Amino acid sequence: MSSRTPSSPLARSERLAQSPVVRRGGQWWLVTRSGSILATDPTFTGELDRFAGAMAAADQAIADLRSQQADPPTPHPGLQR
């Protein structure tokens, strides 16, 4: 059984930033126009997992900042002028 599969639409996949790496069904794949190759090295896939976690945390932090900027400021008691 080969680890190469034809490229499929990424709608069911999670692309890592703008890299040629996607996570499909909990597995990391290196994707090219001619096909996909399963990444099996545990050190490499562990680094991909850590990077994906860091990217998700950064995305959440940005979303939180934008949400705070969109919310009207709350009045602080005792600071009224």
PDB file of N, CA and C in Angstrom:
ATOM      1  N   MET A   1       0.851  -1.184   0.000  1.00  0.00           N
ATOM      2  CA  MET A   1       0.000   0.000   0.000  1.00  0.00           C
ATOM      3  C   MET A   1       0.887   1.234   0.000  1.00  0.00           C
ATOM      4  N   SER A   2       0.647   2.144  -0.895  1.00  0.00           N
ATOM      5  CA  SER A   2       1.479   3.334  -1.069  1.00  0.00           C
ATOM      6  C   SER A   2       0.992   4.464  -0.186  1.00  0.00           C
ATOM      7  N   SER A   3       1.921   5.334   0.242  1.00  0.00           N
ATOM      8  CA  SER A   3       1.533   6.509   1.021  1.00  0.00           C
ATOM      9  C   SER A   3       1.201   7.689   0.121  1.00  0.00           C
ATOM     10  N   ARG A   4       1.343   7.517  -1.179  1.00  0.00           N
ATOM     11  CA  ARG A   4       1.004   8.587  -2.120  1.00  0.00           C
ATOM     12  C   ARG A   4      -0.456   8.457  -2.520  1.00  0.00           C
ATOM     13  N   THR A   5      -1.162   9.568  -2.491  1.00  0.00           N
ATOM     14  CA  THR A   5      -2.549   9.584  -2.929  1.00  0.00           C
ATOM     15  C   THR A   5      -2.742  10.796  -3.810  1.00  0.00           C
ATOM     16  N   PRO A   6      -3.723  10.754  -4.695  1.00  0.00           N
ATOM     17  CA  PRO A   6      -3.984  11.950  -5.503  1.00  0.00           C
ATOM     18  C   PRO A   6      -4.426  13.104  -4.619  1.00  0.00           C
ATOM     19  N   SER A   7      -4.079  14.298  -5.030  1.00  0.00           N
ATOM     20  CA  SER A   7      -4.504  15.480  -4.275  1.00  0.00           C
ATOM     21  C   SER A   7      -6.014  15.567  -4.306  1.00  0.00           C
ATOM     22  N   SER A   8      -6.584  15.936  -3.193  1.00  0.00           N
ATOM     23  CA  SER A   8      -8.023  16.130  -3.117  1.00  0.00           C
ATOM     24  C   SER A   8      -8.287  17.543  -2.648  1.00  0.00           C
ATOM     25  N   PRO A   9      -9.509  18.029  -2.806  1.00  0.00           N
ATOM     26  CA  PRO A   9      -9.812  19.385  -2.341  1.00  0.00           C
ATOM     27  C   PRO A   9      -9.498  19.510  -0.858  1.00  0.00           C
ATOM     28  N   LEU A  10      -9.013  20.672  -0.441  1.00  0.00           N
ATOM     29  CA  LEU A  10      -8.586  20.876   0.926  1.00  0.00           C
ATOM     30  C   LEU A  10      -9.729  21.264   1.854  1.00  0.00           C
ATOM     31  N   ALA A  11     -10.980  21.191   1.369  1.00  0.00           N
ATOM     32  CA  ALA A  11     -12.106  21.580   2.204  1.00  0.00           C
ATOM     33  C   ALA A  11     -12.181  20.735   3.473  1.00  0.00           C
ATOM     34  N   ARG A  12     -11.778  19.470   3.400  1.00  0.00           N
ATOM     35  CA  ARG A  12     -11.820  18.595   4.566  1.00  0.00           C
ATOM     36  C   ARG A  12     -10.471  18.564   5.266  1.00  0.00           C
ATOM     37  N   SER A  13      -9.597  19.457   4.909  1.00  0.00           N
ATOM     38  CA  SER A  13      -8.242  19.459   5.431  1.00  0.00           C
ATOM     39  C   SER A  13      -7.946  20.773   6.131  1.00  0.00           C
ATOM     40  N   GLU A  14      -6.914  20.726   6.918  1.00  0.00           N
ATOM     41  CA  GLU A  14      -6.441  21.921   7.617  1.00  0.00           C
ATOM     42  C   GLU A  14      -5.041  22.241   7.108  1.00  0.00           C
ATOM     43  N   ARG A  15      -4.937  23.315   6.310  1.00  0.00           N
ATOM     44  CA  ARG A  15      -3.625  23.726   5.794  1.00  0.00           C
ATOM     45  C   ARG A  15      -2.881  24.451   6.903  1.00  0.00           C
ATOM     46  N   LEU A  16      -1.607  24.168   7.026  1.00  0.00           N
ATOM     47  CA  LEU A  16      -0.768  24.805   8.035  1.00  0.00           C
ATOM     48  C   LEU A  16      -0.189  26.081   7.449  1.00  0.00           C
ATOM     49  N   ALA A  17      -0.711  27.209   7.929  1.00  0.00           N
ATOM     50  CA  ALA A  17      -0.324  28.525   7.416  1.00  0.00           C
ATOM     51  C   ALA A  17      -0.445  28.513   5.900  1.00  0.00           C
ATOM     52  N   GLN A  18       0.553  28.966   5.189  1.00  0.00           N
ATOM     53  CA  GLN A  18       0.498  28.941   3.724  1.00  0.00           C
ATOM     54  C   GLN A  18       1.533  27.961   3.189  1.00  0.00           C
ATOM     55  N   SER A  19       1.723  26.878   3.929  1.00  0.00           N
ATOM     56  CA  SER A  19       2.718  25.875   3.555  1.00  0.00           C
ATOM     57  C   SER A  19       2.062  24.759   2.733  1.00  0.00           C
ATOM     58  N   PRO A  20       2.866  23.887   2.157  1.00  0.00           N
ATOM     59  CA  PRO A  20       2.324  22.746   1.422  1.00  0.00           C
ATOM     60  C   PRO A  20       2.033  21.566   2.355  1.00  0.00           C
ATOM     61  N   VAL A  21       1.727  21.864   3.623  1.00  0.00           N
ATOM     62  CA  VAL A  21       1.457  20.822   4.603  1.00  0.00           C
ATOM     63  C   VAL A  21       0.008  20.940   5.050  1.00  0.00           C
ATOM     64  N   VAL A  22      -0.702  19.825   5.057  1.00  0.00           N
ATOM     65  CA  VAL A  22      -2.089  19.794   5.526  1.00  0.00           C
ATOM     66  C   VAL A  22      -2.269  18.651   6.509  1.00  0.00           C
ATOM     67  N   ARG A  23      -3.253  18.822   7.390  1.00  0.00           N
ATOM     68  CA  ARG A  23      -3.622  17.744   8.302  1.00  0.00           C
ATOM     69  C   ARG A  23      -4.956  17.199   7.823  1.00  0.00           C
ATOM     70  N   ARG A  24      -4.978  15.923   7.527  1.00  0.00           N
ATOM     71  CA  ARG A  24      -6.200  15.242   7.097  1.00  0.00           C
ATOM     72  C   ARG A  24      -6.427  14.070   8.022  1.00  0.00           C
ATOM     73  N   GLY A  25      -7.566  14.041   8.658  1.00  0.00           N
ATOM     74  CA  GLY A  25      -7.885  12.917   9.522  1.00  0.00           C
ATOM     75  C   GLY A  25      -6.853  12.671  10.607  1.00  0.00           C
ATOM     76  N   GLY A  26      -6.255  13.735  11.135  1.00  0.00           N
ATOM     77  CA  GLY A  26      -5.270  13.603  12.193  1.00  0.00           C
ATOM     78  C   GLY A  26      -3.873  13.239  11.719  1.00  0.00           C
ATOM     79  N   GLN A  27      -3.649  13.150  10.413  1.00  0.00           N
ATOM     80  CA  GLN A  27      -2.335  12.842   9.874  1.00  0.00           C
ATOM     81  C   GLN A  27      -1.839  14.017   9.044  1.00  0.00           C
ATOM     82  N   TRP A  28      -0.530  14.237   9.072  1.00  0.00           N
ATOM     83  CA  TRP A  28       0.086  15.306   8.298  1.00  0.00           C
ATOM     84  C   TRP A  28       0.488  14.776   6.929  1.00  0.00           C
ATOM     85  N   TRP A  29       0.202  15.581   5.908  1.00  0.00           N
ATOM     86  CA  TRP A  29       0.532  15.243   4.522  1.00  0.00           C
ATOM     87  C   TRP A  29       1.288  16.391   3.885  1.00  0.00           C
ATOM     88  N   LEU A  30       2.291  16.075   3.085  1.00  0.00           N
ATOM     89  CA  LEU A  30       2.981  17.056   2.257  1.00  0.00           C
ATOM     90  C   LEU A  30       2.297  16.997   0.903  1.00  0.00           C
ATOM     91  N   VAL A  31       1.810  18.146   0.437  1.00  0.00           N
ATOM     92  CA  VAL A  31       0.961  18.181  -0.752  1.00  0.00           C
ATOM     93  C   VAL A  31       1.667  18.904  -1.894  1.00  0.00           C
ATOM     94  N   THR A  32       1.635  18.287  -3.074  1.00  0.00           N
ATOM     95  CA  THR A  32       2.138  18.896  -4.297  1.00  0.00           C
ATOM     96  C   THR A  32       1.054  18.771  -5.355  1.00  0.00           C
ATOM     97  N   ARG A  33       1.278  19.362  -6.511  1.00  0.00           N
ATOM     98  CA  ARG A  33       0.303  19.245  -7.601  1.00  0.00           C
ATOM     99  C   ARG A  33       0.147  17.801  -8.065  1.00  0.00           C
ATOM    100  N   SER A  34       1.204  17.026  -7.947  1.00  0.00           N
ATOM    101  CA  SER A  34       1.151  15.651  -8.448  1.00  0.00           C
ATOM    102  C   SER A  34       0.656  14.645  -7.417  1.00  0.00           C
ATOM    103  N   GLY A  35       0.490  15.043  -6.182  1.00  0.00           N
ATOM    104  CA  GLY A  35      -0.018  14.115  -5.178  1.00  0.00           C
ATOM    105  C   GLY A  35       0.355  14.514  -3.772  1.00  0.00           C
ATOM    106  N   SER A  36       0.067  13.627  -2.838  1.00  0.00           N
ATOM    107  CA  SER A  36       0.333  13.866  -1.426  1.00  0.00           C
ATOM    108  C   SER A  36       1.197  12.739  -0.886  1.00  0.00           C
ATOM    109  N   ILE A  37       2.047  13.084   0.078  1.00  0.00           N
ATOM    110  CA  ILE A  37       2.913  12.101   0.716  1.00  0.00           C
ATOM    111  C   ILE A  37       2.665  12.185   2.215  1.00  0.00           C
ATOM    112  N   LEU A  38       2.357  11.062   2.832  1.00  0.00           N
ATOM    113  CA  LEU A  38       2.121  11.010   4.261  1.00  0.00           C
ATOM    114  C   LEU A  38       3.419  11.270   5.017  1.00  0.00           C
ATOM    115  N   ALA A  39       3.364  12.193   5.983  1.00  0.00           N
ATOM    116  CA  ALA A  39       4.520  12.452   6.844  1.00  0.00           C
ATOM    117  C   ALA A  39       4.438  11.484   8.018  1.00  0.00           C
ATOM    118  N   THR A  40       5.468  10.650   8.183  1.00  0.00           N
ATOM    119  CA  THR A  40       5.434   9.626   9.222  1.00  0.00           C
ATOM    120  C   THR A  40       6.506   9.801  10.287  1.00  0.00           C
ATOM    121  N   ASP A  41       7.467  10.681  10.080  1.00  0.00           N
ATOM    122  CA  ASP A  41       8.536  10.868  11.058  1.00  0.00           C
ATOM    123  C   ASP A  41       7.964  11.523  12.310  1.00  0.00           C
ATOM    124  N   PRO A  42       8.059  10.867  13.476  1.00  0.00           N
ATOM    125  CA  PRO A  42       7.437  11.421  14.680  1.00  0.00           C
ATOM    126  C   PRO A  42       8.032  12.757  15.134  1.00  0.00           C
ATOM    127  N   THR A  43       9.308  12.967  14.904  1.00  0.00           N
ATOM    128  CA  THR A  43       9.913  14.253  15.274  1.00  0.00           C
ATOM    129  C   THR A  43       9.339  15.363  14.398  1.00  0.00           C
ATOM    130  N   PHE A  44       9.258  15.125  13.107  1.00  0.00           N
ATOM    131  CA  PHE A  44       8.725  16.110  12.172  1.00  0.00           C
ATOM    132  C   PHE A  44       7.249  16.388  12.442  1.00  0.00           C
ATOM    133  N   THR A  45       6.448  15.335  12.606  1.00  0.00           N
ATOM    134  CA  THR A  45       5.019  15.553  12.835  1.00  0.00           C
ATOM    135  C   THR A  45       4.773  16.201  14.194  1.00  0.00           C
ATOM    136  N   GLY A  46       5.641  15.913  15.176  1.00  0.00           N
ATOM    137  CA  GLY A  46       5.522  16.589  16.466  1.00  0.00           C
ATOM    138  C   GLY A  46       5.768  18.081  16.344  1.00  0.00           C
ATOM    139  N   GLU A  47       6.770  18.444  15.540  1.00  0.00           N
ATOM    140  CA  GLU A  47       7.033  19.869  15.297  1.00  0.00           C
ATOM    141  C   GLU A  47       5.858  20.516  14.566  1.00  0.00           C
ATOM    142  N   LEU A  48       5.267  19.809  13.613  1.00  0.00           N
ATOM    143  CA  LEU A  48       4.093  20.339  12.917  1.00  0.00           C
ATOM    144  C   LEU A  48       2.942  20.545  13.899  1.00  0.00           C
ATOM    145  N   ASP A  49       2.737  19.593  14.812  1.00  0.00           N
ATOM    146  CA  ASP A  49       1.686  19.737  15.827  1.00  0.00           C
ATOM    147  C   ASP A  49       1.935  20.964  16.706  1.00  0.00           C
ATOM    148  N   ARG A  50       3.190  21.143  17.147  1.00  0.00           N
ATOM    149  CA  ARG A  50       3.517  22.299  17.993  1.00  0.00           C
ATOM    150  C   ARG A  50       3.320  23.611  17.236  1.00  0.00           C
ATOM    151  N   PHE A  51       3.742  23.635  15.984  1.00  0.00           N
ATOM    152  CA  PHE A  51       3.582  24.851  15.186  1.00  0.00           C
ATOM    153  C   PHE A  51       2.099  25.148  14.954  1.00  0.00           C
ATOM    154  N   ALA A  52       1.326  24.115  14.665  1.00  0.00           N
ATOM    155  CA  ALA A  52      -0.121  24.307  14.462  1.00  0.00           C
ATOM    156  C   ALA A  52      -0.768  24.835  15.739  1.00  0.00           C
ATOM    157  N   GLY A  53      -0.352  24.341  16.890  1.00  0.00           N
ATOM    158  CA  GLY A  53      -0.883  24.836  18.162  1.00  0.00           C
ATOM    159  C   GLY A  53      -0.529  26.291  18.393  1.00  0.00           C
ATOM    160  N   ALA A  54       0.711  26.653  18.076  1.00  0.00           N
ATOM    161  CA  ALA A  54       1.145  28.049  18.230  1.00  0.00           C
ATOM    162  C   ALA A  54       0.372  28.962  17.279  1.00  0.00           C
ATOM    163  N   MET A  55       0.155  28.498  16.056  1.00  0.00           N
ATOM    164  CA  MET A  55      -0.612  29.303  15.095  1.00  0.00           C
ATOM    165  C   MET A  55      -2.056  29.484  15.565  1.00  0.00           C
ATOM    166  N   ALA A  56      -2.656  28.420  16.102  1.00  0.00           N
ATOM    167  CA  ALA A  56      -4.033  28.509  16.603  1.00  0.00           C
ATOM    168  C   ALA A  56      -4.112  29.482  17.781  1.00  0.00           C
ATOM    169  N   ALA A  57      -3.127  29.441  18.682  1.00  0.00           N
ATOM    170  CA  ALA A  57      -3.108  30.362  19.815  1.00  0.00           C
ATOM    171  C   ALA A  57      -2.947  31.809  19.342  1.00  0.00           C
ATOM    172  N   ALA A  58      -2.094  32.020  18.355  1.00  0.00           N
ATOM    173  CA  ALA A  58      -1.907  33.376  17.813  1.00  0.00           C
ATOM    174  C   ALA A  58      -3.182  33.864  17.137  1.00  0.00           C
ATOM    175  N   ASP A  59      -3.828  33.000  16.364  1.00  0.00           N
ATOM    176  CA  ASP A  59      -5.096  33.383  15.722  1.00  0.00           C
ATOM    177  C   ASP A  59      -6.144  33.751  16.763  1.00  0.00           C
ATOM    178  N   GLN A  60      -6.208  32.977  17.867  1.00  0.00           N
ATOM    179  CA  GLN A  60      -7.175  33.265  18.924  1.00  0.00           C
ATOM    180  C   GLN A  60      -6.855  34.585  19.612  1.00  0.00           C
ATOM    181  N   ALA A  61      -5.584  34.860  19.845  1.00  0.00           N
ATOM    182  CA  ALA A  61      -5.189  36.117  20.480  1.00  0.00           C
ATOM    183  C   ALA A  61      -5.580  37.307  19.606  1.00  0.00           C
ATOM    184  N   ILE A  62      -5.390  37.187  18.317  1.00  0.00           N
ATOM    185  CA  ILE A  62      -5.778  38.264  17.395  1.00  0.00           C
ATOM    186  C   ILE A  62      -7.288  38.433  17.391  1.00  0.00           C
ATOM    187  N   ALA A  63      -8.027  37.323  17.370  1.00  0.00           N
ATOM    188  CA  ALA A  63      -9.490  37.409  17.402  1.00  0.00           C
ATOM    189  C   ALA A  63      -9.963  38.075  18.692  1.00  0.00           C
ATOM    190  N   ASP A  64      -9.312  37.743  19.820  1.00  0.00           N
ATOM    191  CA  ASP A  64      -9.675  38.364  21.095  1.00  0.00           C
ATOM    192  C   ASP A  64      -9.414  39.864  21.075  1.00  0.00           C
ATOM    193  N   LEU A  65      -8.273  40.280  20.521  1.00  0.00           N
ATOM    194  CA  LEU A  65      -7.957  41.710  20.432  1.00  0.00           C
ATOM    195  C   LEU A  65      -8.971  42.434  19.559  1.00  0.00           C
ATOM    196  N   ARG A  66      -9.318  41.839  18.437  1.00  0.00           N
ATOM    197  CA  ARG A  66     -10.311  42.472  17.552  1.00  0.00           C
ATOM    198  C   ARG A  66     -11.660  42.564  18.234  1.00  0.00           C
ATOM    199  N   SER A  67     -12.019  41.547  18.995  1.00  0.00           N
ATOM    200  CA  SER A  67     -13.289  41.559  19.715  1.00  0.00           C
ATOM    201  C   SER A  67     -13.301  42.673  20.753  1.00  0.00           C
ATOM    202  N   GLN A  68     -12.185  42.843  21.458  1.00  0.00           N
ATOM    203  CA  GLN A  68     -12.087  43.908  22.457  1.00  0.00           C
ATOM    204  C   GLN A  68     -12.181  45.280  21.805  1.00  0.00           C
ATOM    205  N   GLN A  69     -11.596  45.442  20.632  1.00  0.00           N
ATOM    206  CA  GLN A  69     -11.645  46.728  19.933  1.00  0.00           C
ATOM    207  C   GLN A  69     -13.045  47.024  19.431  1.00  0.00           C
ATOM    208  N   ALA A  70     -13.819  45.986  19.116  1.00  0.00           N
ATOM    209  CA  ALA A  70     -15.171  46.182  18.608  1.00  0.00           C
ATOM    210  C   ALA A  70     -16.158  46.488  19.725  1.00  0.00           C
ATOM    211  N   ASP A  71     -15.854  46.040  20.949  1.00  0.00           N
ATOM    212  CA  ASP A  71     -16.749  46.285  22.079  1.00  0.00           C
ATOM    213  C   ASP A  71     -16.611  47.721  22.561  1.00  0.00           C
ATOM    214  N   PRO A  72     -17.730  48.364  22.918  1.00  0.00           N
ATOM    215  CA  PRO A  72     -17.626  49.717  23.473  1.00  0.00           C
ATOM    216  C   PRO A  72     -16.946  49.651  24.831  1.00  0.00           C
ATOM    217  N   PRO A  73     -16.195  50.685  25.177  1.00  0.00           N
ATOM    218  CA  PRO A  73     -15.512  50.676  26.477  1.00  0.00           C
ATOM    219  C   PRO A  73     -16.527  50.679  27.612  1.00  0.00           C
ATOM    220  N   THR A  74     -16.203  49.964  28.679  1.00  0.00           N
ATOM    221  CA  THR A  74     -17.082  49.952  29.840  1.00  0.00           C
ATOM    222  C   THR A  74     -16.664  51.067  30.784  1.00  0.00           C
ATOM    223  N   PRO A  75     -17.630  51.779  31.345  1.00  0.00           N
ATOM    224  CA  PRO A  75     -17.289  52.872  32.263  1.00  0.00           C
ATOM    225  C   PRO A  75     -16.652  52.312  33.537  1.00  0.00           C
ATOM    226  N   HIS A  76     -15.683  53.030  34.064  1.00  0.00           N
ATOM    227  CA  HIS A  76     -15.004  52.650  35.308  1.00  0.00           C
ATOM    228  C   HIS A  76     -15.599  53.485  36.427  1.00  0.00           C
ATOM    229  N   PRO A  77     -16.163  52.850  37.453  1.00  0.00           N
ATOM    230  CA  PRO A  77     -16.701  53.625  38.574  1.00  0.00           C
ATOM    231  C   PRO A  77     -15.584  54.405  39.269  1.00  0.00           C
ATOM    232  N   GLY A  78     -15.885  55.595  39.649  1.00  0.00           N
ATOM    233  CA  GLY A  78     -14.914  56.417  40.353  1.00  0.00           C
ATOM    234  C   GLY A  78     -14.030  57.243  39.415  1.00  0.00           C
ATOM    235  N   LEU A  79     -14.120  57.018  38.127  1.00  0.00           N
ATOM    236  CA  LEU A  79     -13.315  57.775  37.170  1.00  0.00           C
ATOM    237  C   LEU A  79     -14.172  58.757  36.383  1.00  0.00           C
ATOM    238  N   GLN A  80     -15.372  59.032  36.872  1.00  0.00           N
ATOM    239  CA  GLN A  80     -16.243  59.942  36.151  1.00  0.00           C
ATOM    240  C   GLN A  80     -15.755  61.376  36.319  1.00  0.00           C
ATOM    241  N   ARG A  81     -15.870  62.152  35.271  1.00  0.00           N
ATOM    242  CA  ARG A  81     -15.432  63.550  35.323  1.00  0.00           C
ATOM    243  C   ARG A  81     -16.580  64.443  35.013  1.00  0.00           C
TER     244      ARG A  81
END
